[in-house]
Amino acid sequence: MEIKEPAYSVLYDAVTHTVKFKGTFNIRGSEGYKEITAMLNKVEAQLSPPAEIVVDVRETEFLNSSGITALGKFTIRLRQKTGVSLTVLCSNKQSWQEYSMKGLERLMPVGLTLKFE
């Protein structure tokens, strides 16, 4: 599955269970994230526990609050599935990622790993 726009892209690799966000996500509101949310819902629905899903935001320059909310809702849905873990790959080069992605730990205190590179 792939969503590709001039400023950003989201790619899901079903073999590695990796969702890769890339670019600048300056999309307005939850309605603007409708396609991305639908993709994340499909990813979650396809998972068969035990499973590990990886979200890679290392090449994401900007993700606005609506995007953070979409990722938060995805995290909550994963938390509700027994036997599913989530790893979020972050970049040390993007200061916003440390603050914003650490917020996901509160949503999934068990089963979520943040990795900064």
PDB file of N, CA and C in Angstrom:
ATOM      1  N   MET A   1       0.851  -1.171   0.000  1.00  0.00           N
ATOM      2  CA  MET A   1       0.000   0.000   0.000  1.00  0.00           C
ATOM      3  C   MET A   1       0.895   1.231   0.000  1.00  0.00           C
ATOM      4  N   GLU A   2       0.462   2.236  -0.760  1.00  0.00           N
ATOM      5  CA  GLU A   2       1.256   3.459  -0.812  1.00  0.00           C
ATOM      6  C   GLU A   2       0.361   4.662  -1.062  1.00  0.00           C
ATOM      7  N   ILE A   3       0.700   5.741  -0.380  1.00  0.00           N
ATOM      8  CA  ILE A   3       0.082   7.048  -0.604  1.00  0.00           C
ATOM      9  C   ILE A   3       1.225   7.969  -0.977  1.00  0.00           C
ATOM     10  N   LYS A   4       1.115   8.601  -2.127  1.00  0.00           N
ATOM     11  CA  LYS A   4       2.207   9.458  -2.578  1.00  0.00           C
ATOM     12  C   LYS A   4       1.639  10.797  -3.028  1.00  0.00           C
ATOM     13  N   GLU A   5       2.132  11.842  -2.406  1.00  0.00           N
ATOM     14  CA  GLU A   5       1.782  13.218  -2.730  1.00  0.00           C
ATOM     15  C   GLU A   5       3.079  13.980  -2.982  1.00  0.00           C
ATOM     16  N   PRO A   6       3.010  15.173  -3.556  1.00  0.00           N
ATOM     17  CA  PRO A   6       4.258  15.919  -3.807  1.00  0.00           C
ATOM     18  C   PRO A   6       5.097  16.196  -2.556  1.00  0.00           C
ATOM     19  N   ALA A   7       4.447  16.462  -1.420  1.00  0.00           N
ATOM     20  CA  ALA A   7       5.183  16.838  -0.208  1.00  0.00           C
ATOM     21  C   ALA A   7       5.482  15.674   0.724  1.00  0.00           C
ATOM     22  N   TYR A   8       4.778  14.551   0.549  1.00  0.00           N
ATOM     23  CA  TYR A   8       4.953  13.438   1.482  1.00  0.00           C
ATOM     24  C   TYR A   8       4.557  12.119   0.840  1.00  0.00           C
ATOM     25  N   SER A   9       4.947  11.046   1.533  1.00  0.00           N
ATOM     26  CA  SER A   9       4.502   9.709   1.125  1.00  0.00           C
ATOM     27  C   SER A   9       4.392   8.826   2.361  1.00  0.00           C
ATOM     28  N   VAL A  10       3.532   7.824   2.257  1.00  0.00           N
ATOM     29  CA  VAL A  10       3.384   6.803   3.293  1.00  0.00           C
ATOM     30  C   VAL A  10       3.381   5.470   2.562  1.00  0.00           C
ATOM     31  N   LEU A  11       4.273   4.589   2.957  1.00  0.00           N
ATOM     32  CA  LEU A  11       4.407   3.298   2.301  1.00  0.00           C
ATOM     33  C   LEU A  11       4.317   2.195   3.340  1.00  0.00           C
ATOM     34  N   TYR A  12       3.513   1.173   3.055  1.00  0.00           N
ATOM     35  CA  TYR A  12       3.433   0.014   3.939  1.00  0.00           C
ATOM     36  C   TYR A  12       4.042  -1.182   3.236  1.00  0.00           C
ATOM     37  N   ASP A  13       5.024  -1.790   3.884  1.00  0.00           N
ATOM     38  CA  ASP A  13       5.658  -3.011   3.394  1.00  0.00           C
ATOM     39  C   ASP A  13       5.097  -4.170   4.205  1.00  0.00           C
ATOM     40  N   ALA A  14       4.262  -4.982   3.576  1.00  0.00           N
ATOM     41  CA  ALA A  14       3.592  -6.077   4.267  1.00  0.00           C
ATOM     42  C   ALA A  14       4.549  -7.188   4.679  1.00  0.00           C
ATOM     43  N   VAL A  15       5.692  -7.304   4.006  1.00  0.00           N
ATOM     44  CA  VAL A  15       6.666  -8.340   4.344  1.00  0.00           C
ATOM     45  C   VAL A  15       7.355  -8.016   5.668  1.00  0.00           C
ATOM     46  N   THR A  16       7.771  -6.758   5.827  1.00  0.00           N
ATOM     47  CA  THR A  16       8.480  -6.358   7.043  1.00  0.00           C
ATOM     48  C   THR A  16       7.554  -5.714   8.080  1.00  0.00           C
ATOM     49  N   HIS A  17       6.279  -5.567   7.747  1.00  0.00           N
ATOM     50  CA  HIS A  17       5.295  -4.915   8.623  1.00  0.00           C
ATOM     51  C   HIS A  17       5.771  -3.515   9.020  1.00  0.00           C
ATOM     52  N   THR A  18       6.241  -2.764   8.019  1.00  0.00           N
ATOM     53  CA  THR A  18       6.772  -1.426   8.264  1.00  0.00           C
ATOM     54  C   THR A  18       5.946  -0.371   7.537  1.00  0.00           C
ATOM     55  N   VAL A  19       5.534   0.653   8.286  1.00  0.00           N
ATOM     56  CA  VAL A  19       4.871   1.821   7.715  1.00  0.00           C
ATOM     57  C   VAL A  19       5.894   2.942   7.734  1.00  0.00           C
ATOM     58  N   LYS A  20       6.242   3.444   6.546  1.00  0.00           N
ATOM     59  CA  LYS A  20       7.272   4.483   6.447  1.00  0.00           C
ATOM     60  C   LYS A  20       6.647   5.808   6.030  1.00  0.00           C
ATOM     61  N   PHE A  21       6.817   6.805   6.896  1.00  0.00           N
ATOM     62  CA  PHE A  21       6.377   8.166   6.621  1.00  0.00           C
ATOM     63  C   PHE A  21       7.595   8.949   6.127  1.00  0.00           C
ATOM     64  N   LYS A  22       7.393   9.750   5.081  1.00  0.00           N
ATOM     65  CA  LYS A  22       8.509  10.509   4.522  1.00  0.00           C
ATOM     66  C   LYS A  22       7.996  11.856   4.022  1.00  0.00           C
ATOM     67  N   GLY A  23       8.701  12.932   4.381  1.00  0.00           N
ATOM     68  CA  GLY A  23       8.353  14.248   3.866  1.00  0.00           C
ATOM     69  C   GLY A  23       7.765  15.181   4.903  1.00  0.00           C
ATOM     70  N   THR A  24       6.978  16.122   4.418  1.00  0.00           N
ATOM     71  CA  THR A  24       6.369  17.151   5.248  1.00  0.00           C
ATOM     72  C   THR A  24       4.863  16.979   5.231  1.00  0.00           C
ATOM     73  N   PHE A  25       4.297  16.682   6.396  1.00  0.00           N
ATOM     74  CA  PHE A  25       2.869  16.422   6.540  1.00  0.00           C
ATOM     75  C   PHE A  25       2.196  17.644   7.146  1.00  0.00           C
ATOM     76  N   ASN A  26       1.878  18.609   6.305  1.00  0.00           N
ATOM     77  CA  ASN A  26       1.187  19.813   6.744  1.00  0.00           C
ATOM     78  C   ASN A  26      -0.234  19.751   6.201  1.00  0.00           C
ATOM     79  N   ILE A  27      -0.968  18.739   6.660  1.00  0.00           N
ATOM     80  CA  ILE A  27      -2.310  18.445   6.167  1.00  0.00           C
ATOM     81  C   ILE A  27      -3.314  18.966   7.192  1.00  0.00           C
ATOM     82  N   ARG A  28      -4.405  19.515   6.730  1.00  0.00           N
ATOM     83  CA  ARG A  28      -5.380  20.114   7.645  1.00  0.00           C
ATOM     84  C   ARG A  28      -6.360  19.097   8.219  1.00  0.00           C
ATOM     85  N   GLY A  29      -6.387  19.015   9.532  1.00  0.00           N
ATOM     86  CA  GLY A  29      -7.396  18.275  10.271  1.00  0.00           C
ATOM     87  C   GLY A  29      -7.511  16.793   9.976  1.00  0.00           C
ATOM     88  N   SER A  30      -8.396  16.157  10.716  1.00  0.00           N
ATOM     89  CA  SER A  30      -8.589  14.710  10.576  1.00  0.00           C
ATOM     90  C   SER A  30      -9.114  14.353   9.191  1.00  0.00           C
ATOM     91  N   GLU A  31      -9.887  15.229   8.579  1.00  0.00           N
ATOM     92  CA  GLU A  31     -10.396  14.976   7.229  1.00  0.00           C
ATOM     93  C   GLU A  31      -9.237  14.882   6.220  1.00  0.00           C
ATOM     94  N   GLY A  32      -8.219  15.696   6.413  1.00  0.00           N
ATOM     95  CA  GLY A  32      -7.058  15.658   5.536  1.00  0.00           C
ATOM     96  C   GLY A  32      -6.262  14.368   5.674  1.00  0.00           C
ATOM     97  N   TYR A  33      -6.331  13.749   6.849  1.00  0.00           N
ATOM     98  CA  TYR A  33      -5.615  12.498   7.111  1.00  0.00           C
ATOM     99  C   TYR A  33      -6.485  11.263   6.849  1.00  0.00           C
ATOM    100  N   LYS A  34      -7.647  11.471   6.245  1.00  0.00           N
ATOM    101  CA  LYS A  34      -8.594  10.384   6.027  1.00  0.00           C
ATOM    102  C   LYS A  34      -7.965   9.202   5.284  1.00  0.00           C
ATOM    103  N   GLU A  35      -7.236   9.460   4.213  1.00  0.00           N
ATOM    104  CA  GLU A  35      -6.620   8.386   3.424  1.00  0.00           C
ATOM    105  C   GLU A  35      -5.530   7.659   4.215  1.00  0.00           C
ATOM    106  N   ILE A  36      -4.730   8.417   4.956  1.00  0.00           N
ATOM    107  CA  ILE A  36      -3.667   7.823   5.768  1.00  0.00           C
ATOM    108  C   ILE A  36      -4.276   7.000   6.902  1.00  0.00           C
ATOM    109  N   THR A  37      -5.316   7.517   7.543  1.00  0.00           N
ATOM    110  CA  THR A  37      -5.993   6.787   8.612  1.00  0.00           C
ATOM    111  C   THR A  37      -6.594   5.488   8.088  1.00  0.00           C
ATOM    112  N   ALA A  38      -7.188   5.529   6.909  1.00  0.00           N
ATOM    113  CA  ALA A  38      -7.748   4.309   6.309  1.00  0.00           C
ATOM    114  C   ALA A  38      -6.650   3.279   6.058  1.00  0.00           C
ATOM    115  N   MET A  39      -5.498   3.747   5.613  1.00  0.00           N
ATOM    116  CA  MET A  39      -4.366   2.845   5.391  1.00  0.00           C
ATOM    117  C   MET A  39      -3.916   2.212   6.703  1.00  0.00           C
ATOM    118  N   LEU A  40      -3.773   3.015   7.748  1.00  0.00           N
ATOM    119  CA  LEU A  40      -3.363   2.493   9.051  1.00  0.00           C
ATOM    120  C   LEU A  40      -4.389   1.502   9.598  1.00  0.00           C
ATOM    121  N   ASN A  41      -5.669   1.770   9.367  1.00  0.00           N
ATOM    122  CA  ASN A  41      -6.719   0.837   9.796  1.00  0.00           C
ATOM    123  C   ASN A  41      -6.584  -0.499   9.073  1.00  0.00           C
ATOM    124  N   LYS A  42      -6.263  -0.477   7.785  1.00  0.00           N
ATOM    125  CA  LYS A  42      -6.069  -1.716   7.025  1.00  0.00           C
ATOM    126  C   LYS A  42      -4.859  -2.485   7.554  1.00  0.00           C
ATOM    127  N   VAL A  43      -3.787  -1.760   7.859  1.00  0.00           N
ATOM    128  CA  VAL A  43      -2.588  -2.393   8.411  1.00  0.00           C
ATOM    129  C   VAL A  43      -2.936  -3.097   9.712  1.00  0.00           C
ATOM    130  N   GLU A  44      -3.619  -2.400  10.598  1.00  0.00           N
ATOM    131  CA  GLU A  44      -3.999  -2.974  11.897  1.00  0.00           C
ATOM    132  C   GLU A  44      -4.907  -4.185  11.720  1.00  0.00           C
ATOM    133  N   ALA A  45      -5.849  -4.110  10.805  1.00  0.00           N
ATOM    134  CA  ALA A  45      -6.796  -5.210  10.588  1.00  0.00           C
ATOM    135  C   ALA A  45      -6.112  -6.461  10.040  1.00  0.00           C
ATOM    136  N   GLN A  46      -5.019  -6.292   9.308  1.00  0.00           N
ATOM    137  CA  GLN A  46      -4.315  -7.426   8.699  1.00  0.00           C
ATOM    138  C   GLN A  46      -3.375  -8.143   9.665  1.00  0.00           C
ATOM    139  N   LEU A  47      -3.086  -7.528  10.803  1.00  0.00           N
ATOM    140  CA  LEU A  47      -2.128  -8.120  11.737  1.00  0.00           C
ATOM    141  C   LEU A  47      -2.709  -9.337  12.439  1.00  0.00           C
ATOM    142  N   SER A  48      -1.914 -10.387  12.491  1.00  0.00           N
ATOM    143  CA  SER A  48      -2.288 -11.589  13.237  1.00  0.00           C
ATOM    144  C   SER A  48      -1.281 -11.766  14.364  1.00  0.00           C
ATOM    145  N   PRO A  49      -1.710 -11.599  15.612  1.00  0.00           N
ATOM    146  CA  PRO A  49      -0.793 -11.772  16.733  1.00  0.00           C
ATOM    147  C   PRO A  49      -0.222 -13.183  16.783  1.00  0.00           C
ATOM    148  N   PRO A  50       1.002 -13.370  17.213  1.00  0.00           N
ATOM    149  CA  PRO A  50       1.916 -12.304  17.621  1.00  0.00           C
ATOM    150  C   PRO A  50       2.486 -11.589  16.400  1.00  0.00           C
ATOM    151  N   ALA A  51       2.623 -10.288  16.504  1.00  0.00           N
ATOM    152  CA  ALA A  51       3.134  -9.498  15.391  1.00  0.00           C
ATOM    153  C   ALA A  51       3.845  -8.263  15.918  1.00  0.00           C
ATOM    154  N   GLU A  52       4.809  -7.807  15.144  1.00  0.00           N
ATOM    155  CA  GLU A  52       5.473  -6.539  15.444  1.00  0.00           C
ATOM    156  C   GLU A  52       5.294  -5.635  14.250  1.00  0.00           C
ATOM    157  N   ILE A  53       4.822  -4.437  14.511  1.00  0.00           N
ATOM    158  CA  ILE A  53       4.667  -3.429  13.471  1.00  0.00           C
ATOM    159  C   ILE A  53       5.712  -2.348  13.712  1.00  0.00           C
ATOM    160  N   VAL A  54       6.292  -1.843  12.639  1.00  0.00           N
ATOM    161  CA  VAL A  54       7.299  -0.796  12.725  1.00  0.00           C
ATOM    162  C   VAL A  54       6.749   0.445  12.026  1.00  0.00           C
ATOM    163  N   VAL A  55       6.852   1.583  12.693  1.00  0.00           N
ATOM    164  CA  VAL A  55       6.524   2.869  12.090  1.00  0.00           C
ATOM    165  C   VAL A  55       7.832   3.640  12.003  1.00  0.00           C
ATOM    166  N   ASP A  56       8.221   3.984  10.792  1.00  0.00           N
ATOM    167  CA  ASP A  56       9.491   4.671  10.540  1.00  0.00           C
ATOM    168  C   ASP A  56       9.202   6.118  10.157  1.00  0.00           C
ATOM    169  N   VAL A  57       9.580   7.049  11.040  1.00  0.00           N
ATOM    170  CA  VAL A  57       9.384   8.478  10.776  1.00  0.00           C
ATOM    171  C   VAL A  57      10.722   9.205  10.630  1.00  0.00           C
ATOM    172  N   ARG A  58      11.803   8.463  10.446  1.00  0.00           N
ATOM    173  CA  ARG A  58      13.135   9.076  10.391  1.00  0.00           C
ATOM    174  C   ARG A  58      13.280  10.101   9.271  1.00  0.00           C
ATOM    175  N   GLU A  59      12.582   9.920   8.174  1.00  0.00           N
ATOM    176  CA  GLU A  59      12.682  10.853   7.043  1.00  0.00           C
ATOM    177  C   GLU A  59      11.492  11.800   6.980  1.00  0.00           C
ATOM    178  N   THR A  60      10.863  12.017   8.121  1.00  0.00           N
ATOM    179  CA  THR A  60       9.727  12.932   8.216  1.00  0.00           C
ATOM    180  C   THR A  60      10.222  14.251   8.788  1.00  0.00           C
ATOM    181  N   GLU A  61      10.158  15.302   7.982  1.00  0.00           N
ATOM    182  CA  GLU A  61      10.621  16.614   8.440  1.00  0.00           C
ATOM    183  C   GLU A  61       9.605  17.284   9.355  1.00  0.00           C
ATOM    184  N   PHE A  62       8.318  17.047   9.082  1.00  0.00           N
ATOM    185  CA  PHE A  62       7.268  17.697   9.874  1.00  0.00           C
ATOM    186  C   PHE A  62       6.023  16.831   9.866  1.00  0.00           C
ATOM    187  N   LEU A  63       5.420  16.676  11.024  1.00  0.00           N
ATOM    188  CA  LEU A  63       4.144  15.975  11.178  1.00  0.00           C
ATOM    189  C   LEU A  63       3.311  16.829  12.126  1.00  0.00           C
ATOM    190  N   ASN A  64       2.260  17.434  11.601  1.00  0.00           N
ATOM    191  CA  ASN A  64       1.473  18.355  12.432  1.00  0.00           C
ATOM    192  C   ASN A  64       0.644  17.608  13.476  1.00  0.00           C
ATOM    193  N   SER A  65      -0.075  18.351  14.293  1.00  0.00           N
ATOM    194  CA  SER A  65      -0.811  17.748  15.404  1.00  0.00           C
ATOM    195  C   SER A  65      -1.878  16.765  14.921  1.00  0.00           C
ATOM    196  N   SER A  66      -2.477  17.013  13.782  1.00  0.00           N
ATOM    197  CA  SER A  66      -3.467  16.067  13.250  1.00  0.00           C
ATOM    198  C   SER A  66      -2.806  14.742  12.876  1.00  0.00           C
ATOM    199  N   GLY A  67      -1.583  14.808  12.384  1.00  0.00           N
ATOM    200  CA  GLY A  67      -0.834  13.587  12.063  1.00  0.00           C
ATOM    201  C   GLY A  67      -0.428  12.830  13.318  1.00  0.00           C
ATOM    202  N   ILE A  68      -0.016  13.567  14.344  1.00  0.00           N
ATOM    203  CA  ILE A  68       0.324  12.949  15.627  1.00  0.00           C
ATOM    204  C   ILE A  68      -0.917  12.257  16.203  1.00  0.00           C
ATOM    205  N   THR A  69      -2.069  12.911  16.080  1.00  0.00           N
ATOM    206  CA  THR A  69      -3.318  12.320  16.556  1.00  0.00           C
ATOM    207  C   THR A  69      -3.644  11.039  15.795  1.00  0.00           C
ATOM    208  N   ALA A  70      -3.456  11.040  14.484  1.00  0.00           N
ATOM    209  CA  ALA A  70      -3.708   9.832  13.677  1.00  0.00           C
ATOM    210  C   ALA A  70      -2.804   8.690  14.137  1.00  0.00           C
ATOM    211  N   LEU A  71      -1.521   8.989  14.383  1.00  0.00           N
ATOM    212  CA  LEU A  71      -0.601   7.961  14.888  1.00  0.00           C
ATOM    213  C   LEU A  71      -1.001   7.510  16.289  1.00  0.00           C
ATOM    214  N   GLY A  72      -1.480   8.437  17.106  1.00  0.00           N
ATOM    215  CA  GLY A  72      -1.927   8.098  18.451  1.00  0.00           C
ATOM    216  C   GLY A  72      -3.111   7.136  18.430  1.00  0.00           C
ATOM    217  N   LYS A  73      -4.067   7.386  17.561  1.00  0.00           N
ATOM    218  CA  LYS A  73      -5.232   6.495  17.450  1.00  0.00           C
ATOM    219  C   LYS A  73      -4.814   5.117  16.944  1.00  0.00           C
ATOM    220  N   PHE A  74      -3.866   5.084  16.025  1.00  0.00           N
ATOM    221  CA  PHE A  74      -3.330   3.816  15.521  1.00  0.00           C
ATOM    222  C   PHE A  74      -2.662   3.049  16.669  1.00  0.00           C
ATOM    223  N   THR A  75      -1.897   3.756  17.481  1.00  0.00           N
ATOM    224  CA  THR A  75      -1.220   3.156  18.627  1.00  0.00           C
ATOM    225  C   THR A  75      -2.229   2.573  19.611  1.00  0.00           C
ATOM    226  N   ILE A  76      -3.290   3.279  19.874  1.00  0.00           N
ATOM    227  CA  ILE A  76      -4.319   2.794  20.797  1.00  0.00           C
ATOM    228  C   ILE A  76      -4.964   1.519  20.252  1.00  0.00           C
ATOM    229  N   ARG A  77      -5.242   1.476  18.953  1.00  0.00           N
ATOM    230  CA  ARG A  77      -5.832   0.263  18.363  1.00  0.00           C
ATOM    231  C   ARG A  77      -4.868  -0.914  18.484  1.00  0.00           C
ATOM    232  N   LEU A  78      -3.570  -0.654  18.297  1.00  0.00           N
ATOM    233  CA  LEU A  78      -2.581  -1.731  18.440  1.00  0.00           C
ATOM    234  C   LEU A  78      -2.499  -2.208  19.887  1.00  0.00           C
ATOM    235  N   ARG A  79      -2.591  -1.277  20.822  1.00  0.00           N
ATOM    236  CA  ARG A  79      -2.536  -1.619  22.245  1.00  0.00           C
ATOM    237  C   ARG A  79      -3.656  -2.578  22.627  1.00  0.00           C
ATOM    238  N   GLN A  80      -4.772  -2.451  21.985  1.00  0.00           N
ATOM    239  CA  GLN A  80      -5.934  -3.275  22.296  1.00  0.00           C
ATOM    240  C   GLN A  80      -5.825  -4.692  21.743  1.00  0.00           C
ATOM    241  N   LYS A  81      -4.820  -4.943  20.905  1.00  0.00           N
ATOM    242  CA  LYS A  81      -4.619  -6.280  20.340  1.00  0.00           C
ATOM    243  C   LYS A  81      -3.558  -7.009  21.156  1.00  0.00           C
ATOM    244  N   THR A  82      -3.917  -8.083  21.788  1.00  0.00           N
ATOM    245  CA  THR A  82      -2.967  -8.878  22.556  1.00  0.00           C
ATOM    246  C   THR A  82      -1.935  -9.483  21.621  1.00  0.00           C
ATOM    247  N   GLY A  83      -0.671  -9.381  22.006  1.00  0.00           N
ATOM    248  CA  GLY A  83       0.391  -9.998  21.225  1.00  0.00           C
ATOM    249  C   GLY A  83       0.937  -9.146  20.095  1.00  0.00           C
ATOM    250  N   VAL A  84       0.585  -7.857  20.058  1.00  0.00           N
ATOM    251  CA  VAL A  84       1.093  -6.959  19.017  1.00  0.00           C
ATOM    252  C   VAL A  84       2.009  -5.936  19.672  1.00  0.00           C
ATOM    253  N   SER A  85       3.204  -5.780  19.098  1.00  0.00           N
ATOM    254  CA  SER A  85       4.129  -4.766  19.598  1.00  0.00           C
ATOM    255  C   SER A  85       4.388  -3.734  18.500  1.00  0.00           C
ATOM    256  N   LEU A  86       4.838  -2.572  18.926  1.00  0.00           N
ATOM    257  CA  LEU A  86       5.071  -1.453  18.018  1.00  0.00           C
ATOM    258  C   LEU A  86       6.458  -0.888  18.264  1.00  0.00           C
ATOM    259  N   THR A  87       7.230  -0.743  17.198  1.00  0.00           N
ATOM    260  CA  THR A  87       8.515  -0.069  17.264  1.00  0.00           C
ATOM    261  C   THR A  87       8.434   1.175  16.395  1.00  0.00           C
ATOM    262  N   VAL A  88       8.844   2.321  16.943  1.00  0.00           N
ATOM    263  CA  VAL A  88       8.845   3.573  16.197  1.00  0.00           C
ATOM    264  C   VAL A  88      10.297   3.992  15.996  1.00  0.00           C
ATOM    265  N   LEU A  89      10.699   4.093  14.742  1.00  0.00           N
ATOM    266  CA  LEU A  89      12.056   4.510  14.394  1.00  0.00           C
ATOM    267  C   LEU A  89      12.055   6.014  14.176  1.00  0.00           C
ATOM    268  N   CYS A  90      12.884   6.722  14.953  1.00  0.00           N
ATOM    269  CA  CYS A  90      12.920   8.181  14.930  1.00  0.00           C
ATOM    270  C   CYS A  90      14.322   8.672  14.583  1.00  0.00           C
ATOM    271  N   SER A  91      14.403   9.946  14.219  1.00  0.00           N
ATOM    272  CA  SER A  91      15.681  10.567  13.889  1.00  0.00           C
ATOM    273  C   SER A  91      16.090  11.559  14.973  1.00  0.00           C
ATOM    274  N   ASN A  92      17.353  11.497  15.367  1.00  0.00           N
ATOM    275  CA  ASN A  92      17.887  12.495  16.300  1.00  0.00           C
ATOM    276  C   ASN A  92      18.002  13.864  15.635  1.00  0.00           C
ATOM    277  N   LYS A  93      17.936  13.908  14.307  1.00  0.00           N
ATOM    278  CA  LYS A  93      18.081  15.164  13.565  1.00  0.00           C
ATOM    279  C   LYS A  93      16.814  16.012  13.598  1.00  0.00           C
ATOM    280  N   GLN A  94      15.704  15.404  13.951  1.00  0.00           N
ATOM    281  CA  GLN A  94      14.429  16.125  14.002  1.00  0.00           C
ATOM    282  C   GLN A  94      14.002  16.271  15.458  1.00  0.00           C
ATOM    283  N   SER A  95      14.229  17.435  16.041  1.00  0.00           N
ATOM    284  CA  SER A  95      13.986  17.630  17.476  1.00  0.00           C
ATOM    285  C   SER A  95      12.532  17.397  17.865  1.00  0.00           C
ATOM    286  N   TRP A  96      11.595  17.679  17.003  1.00  0.00           N
ATOM    287  CA  TRP A  96      10.180  17.492  17.322  1.00  0.00           C
ATOM    288  C   TRP A  96       9.842  16.028  17.571  1.00  0.00           C
ATOM    289  N   GLN A  97      10.599  15.118  16.966  1.00  0.00           N
ATOM    290  CA  GLN A  97      10.276  13.700  17.090  1.00  0.00           C
ATOM    291  C   GLN A  97      10.438  13.186  18.511  1.00  0.00           C
ATOM    292  N   GLU A  98      11.456  13.656  19.203  1.00  0.00           N
ATOM    293  CA  GLU A  98      11.655  13.183  20.569  1.00  0.00           C
ATOM    294  C   GLU A  98      10.442  13.510  21.433  1.00  0.00           C
ATOM    295  N   TYR A  99       9.974  14.725  21.373  1.00  0.00           N
ATOM    296  CA  TYR A  99       8.835  15.133  22.189  1.00  0.00           C
ATOM    297  C   TYR A  99       7.542  14.455  21.728  1.00  0.00           C
ATOM    298  N   SER A 100       7.274  14.529  20.442  1.00  0.00           N
ATOM    299  CA  SER A 100       6.000  14.025  19.917  1.00  0.00           C
ATOM    300  C   SER A 100       5.885  12.508  19.973  1.00  0.00           C
ATOM    301  N   MET A 101       6.933  11.817  19.630  1.00  0.00           N
ATOM    302  CA  MET A 101       6.868  10.359  19.612  1.00  0.00           C
ATOM    303  C   MET A 101       6.899   9.777  21.022  1.00  0.00           C
ATOM    304  N   LYS A 102       7.540  10.478  21.963  1.00  0.00           N
ATOM    305  CA  LYS A 102       7.522  10.008  23.352  1.00  0.00           C
ATOM    306  C   LYS A 102       6.108  10.019  23.913  1.00  0.00           C
ATOM    307  N   GLY A 103       5.259  10.864  23.389  1.00  0.00           N
ATOM    308  CA  GLY A 103       3.863  10.890  23.813  1.00  0.00           C
ATOM    309  C   GLY A 103       3.150   9.579  23.511  1.00  0.00           C
ATOM    310  N   LEU A 104       3.615   8.853  22.495  1.00  0.00           N
ATOM    311  CA  LEU A 104       3.005   7.565  22.168  1.00  0.00           C
ATOM    312  C   LEU A 104       3.236   6.538  23.276  1.00  0.00           C
ATOM    313  N   GLU A 105       4.328   6.702  24.028  1.00  0.00           N
ATOM    314  CA  GLU A 105       4.618   5.771  25.129  1.00  0.00           C
ATOM    315  C   GLU A 105       3.519   5.800  26.179  1.00  0.00           C
ATOM    316  N   ARG A 106       2.915   6.950  26.388  1.00  0.00           N
ATOM    317  CA  ARG A 106       1.811   7.048  27.360  1.00  0.00           C
ATOM    318  C   ARG A 106       0.582   6.299  26.853  1.00  0.00           C
ATOM    319  N   LEU A 107       0.441   6.221  25.540  1.00  0.00           N
ATOM    320  CA  LEU A 107      -0.714   5.527  24.959  1.00  0.00           C
ATOM    321  C   LEU A 107      -0.537   4.015  24.923  1.00  0.00           C
ATOM    322  N   MET A 108       0.718   3.576  24.881  1.00  0.00           N
ATOM    323  CA  MET A 108       1.013   2.137  24.834  1.00  0.00           C
ATOM    324  C   MET A 108       2.233   1.861  25.713  1.00  0.00           C
ATOM    325  N   PRO A 109       2.047   1.893  27.051  1.00  0.00           N
ATOM    326  CA  PRO A 109       3.187   1.750  27.958  1.00  0.00           C
ATOM    327  C   PRO A 109       3.872   0.390  27.873  1.00  0.00           C
ATOM    328  N   VAL A 110       3.165  -0.638  27.437  1.00  0.00           N
ATOM    329  CA  VAL A 110       3.757  -1.973  27.293  1.00  0.00           C
ATOM    330  C   VAL A 110       3.670  -2.356  25.819  1.00  0.00           C
ATOM    331  N   GLY A 111       4.808  -2.744  25.250  1.00  0.00           N
ATOM    332  CA  GLY A 111       4.790  -3.198  23.873  1.00  0.00           C
ATOM    333  C   GLY A 111       5.233  -2.169  22.855  1.00  0.00           C
ATOM    334  N   LEU A 112       5.569  -0.949  23.298  1.00  0.00           N
ATOM    335  CA  LEU A 112       6.039   0.081  22.388  1.00  0.00           C
ATOM    336  C   LEU A 112       7.507   0.369  22.657  1.00  0.00           C
ATOM    337  N   THR A 113       8.295   0.406  21.595  1.00  0.00           N
ATOM    338  CA  THR A 113       9.717   0.726  21.694  1.00  0.00           C
ATOM    339  C   THR A 113      10.012   1.911  20.771  1.00  0.00           C
ATOM    340  N   LEU A 114      10.668   2.929  21.321  1.00  0.00           N
ATOM    341  CA  LEU A 114      11.139   4.055  20.515  1.00  0.00           C
ATOM    342  C   LEU A 114      12.633   3.883  20.280  1.00  0.00           C
ATOM    343  N   LYS A 115      13.060   4.024  19.023  1.00  0.00           N
ATOM    344  CA  LYS A 115      14.473   3.939  18.688  1.00  0.00           C
ATOM    345  C   LYS A 115      14.876   5.215  17.967  1.00  0.00           C
ATOM    346  N   PHE A 116      15.881   5.894  18.535  1.00  0.00           N
ATOM    347  CA  PHE A 116      16.385   7.136  17.937  1.00  0.00           C
ATOM    348  C   PHE A 116      17.728   6.878  17.294  1.00  0.00           C
ATOM    349  N   GLU A 117      17.872   7.300  16.061  1.00  0.00           N
ATOM    350  CA  GLU A 117      19.133   7.125  15.323  1.00  0.00           C
ATOM    351  C   GLU A 117      19.620   8.453  14.800  1.00  0.00           C
TER     352      GLU A 117
END
